[in-house]
Amino acid sequence: MQTTLETQFALVDSHAHLDSARYDADREAVLLRAREAGVETILAVGIGDGPATMHAALELSRQYAGDARMPCLMVSAGIHPQEAAMADIAALDKLNALAAEPEVVAIGEIGLDDYHAENPALEVQQRVFAQQMEIAVQHKLPILIHCRPAGGSRSAWEETLIMLETQWKPTGLGGVLHCFTGAWEEARRAMEAGFMISFAGNLTFPKAQALREVAKQIPLDRLLVETDAPFLAPVPHRGQRNESALVRHVAETLAEIHGIDFATVARTTTENFYRFFGALGNRNVSRNLKADADARIPNLANRK
């Protein structure tokens, strides 16, 4: 396969569910398309279909490790707030064990979600959120935040930010607000608590002008791009299964919003990702994965 590095700037998809059953028939082809599109690294989010399968992303990372045809797969592990009721002692012990694995660079996605009435009670979600933050602290790992409020309500954001400001900010470990959908005030508070802001395909939707106005205010050095694949395929692929190759559309939209060229956004968001997750002094980042990524992106490595 001809490398994309000579013709494209490298991209990082900072959040994708590669273990989704929706990829079972063609997962390798999906990864090959991502690499061909210039996506050199993907953060494979390890929540599975619940705690019983949250190890699946790690297994995928190991399956494709060392395959130069594929993107570098970095991994998280966590219990999604919608599965908080499943977070018994065994599930938390499993998460604690996964967090010790060298490929795991973050705990998540974790947080609060009151979008669906059938979700676990807020008190249950808050307890499990706090328990997972404790595991993250033990392993010196950042956290990936999921926050989805009920329609017309911002209470989930307020409750999430209060927990981050009081329980997480003092650790100095930071994290990522994944698939950000909040207002500027919520982004500002999160950045003050040490968080990066990651935008997904919904930034490209016609009715997302308010979100684009928020994105315009985010400093370039705090931005990440993601797909949240297989969900939220960007325009012009909206309604289809999403995949990491399509993260370019998010970067292009951010470039338009900020009035800069695509190459600058691609380079900056890639550097942001490695700067954040490559802080080897206080995070359990796999040196082998980082070295692999640096070898694939020599210009980035040389700028360190």
Foldseek 3Di string as FASTA:
>chain_A
DDFCVVPAFAFEAEEAQLVDPVCVVPSVVLQLLQRNLRHQEYEHEQQPVHLVGSCVLVVVQVVCPPPVSGHRYAYAGEGEQQRLVVCDPVSLVVNLVVQLDLSHAEYDDAADAPQDVPGDDPVSSVVRRLSSLVSCLVQLHEYEYDFHYHPPDCVRLVVRLVCLVPPNLVSVSEEEDEQDDDALVSVVSNVVSPYAYEHEQVCQDPVSVRVLVSLLPDDLLRYAYHHHFLPNQHPPQPPHGDGNSRSLVVLCSSCVSNVHHSRVSRVNNVLSVCVSSVPVVRTSHNPSSVVVSCVSVVVSVVVD
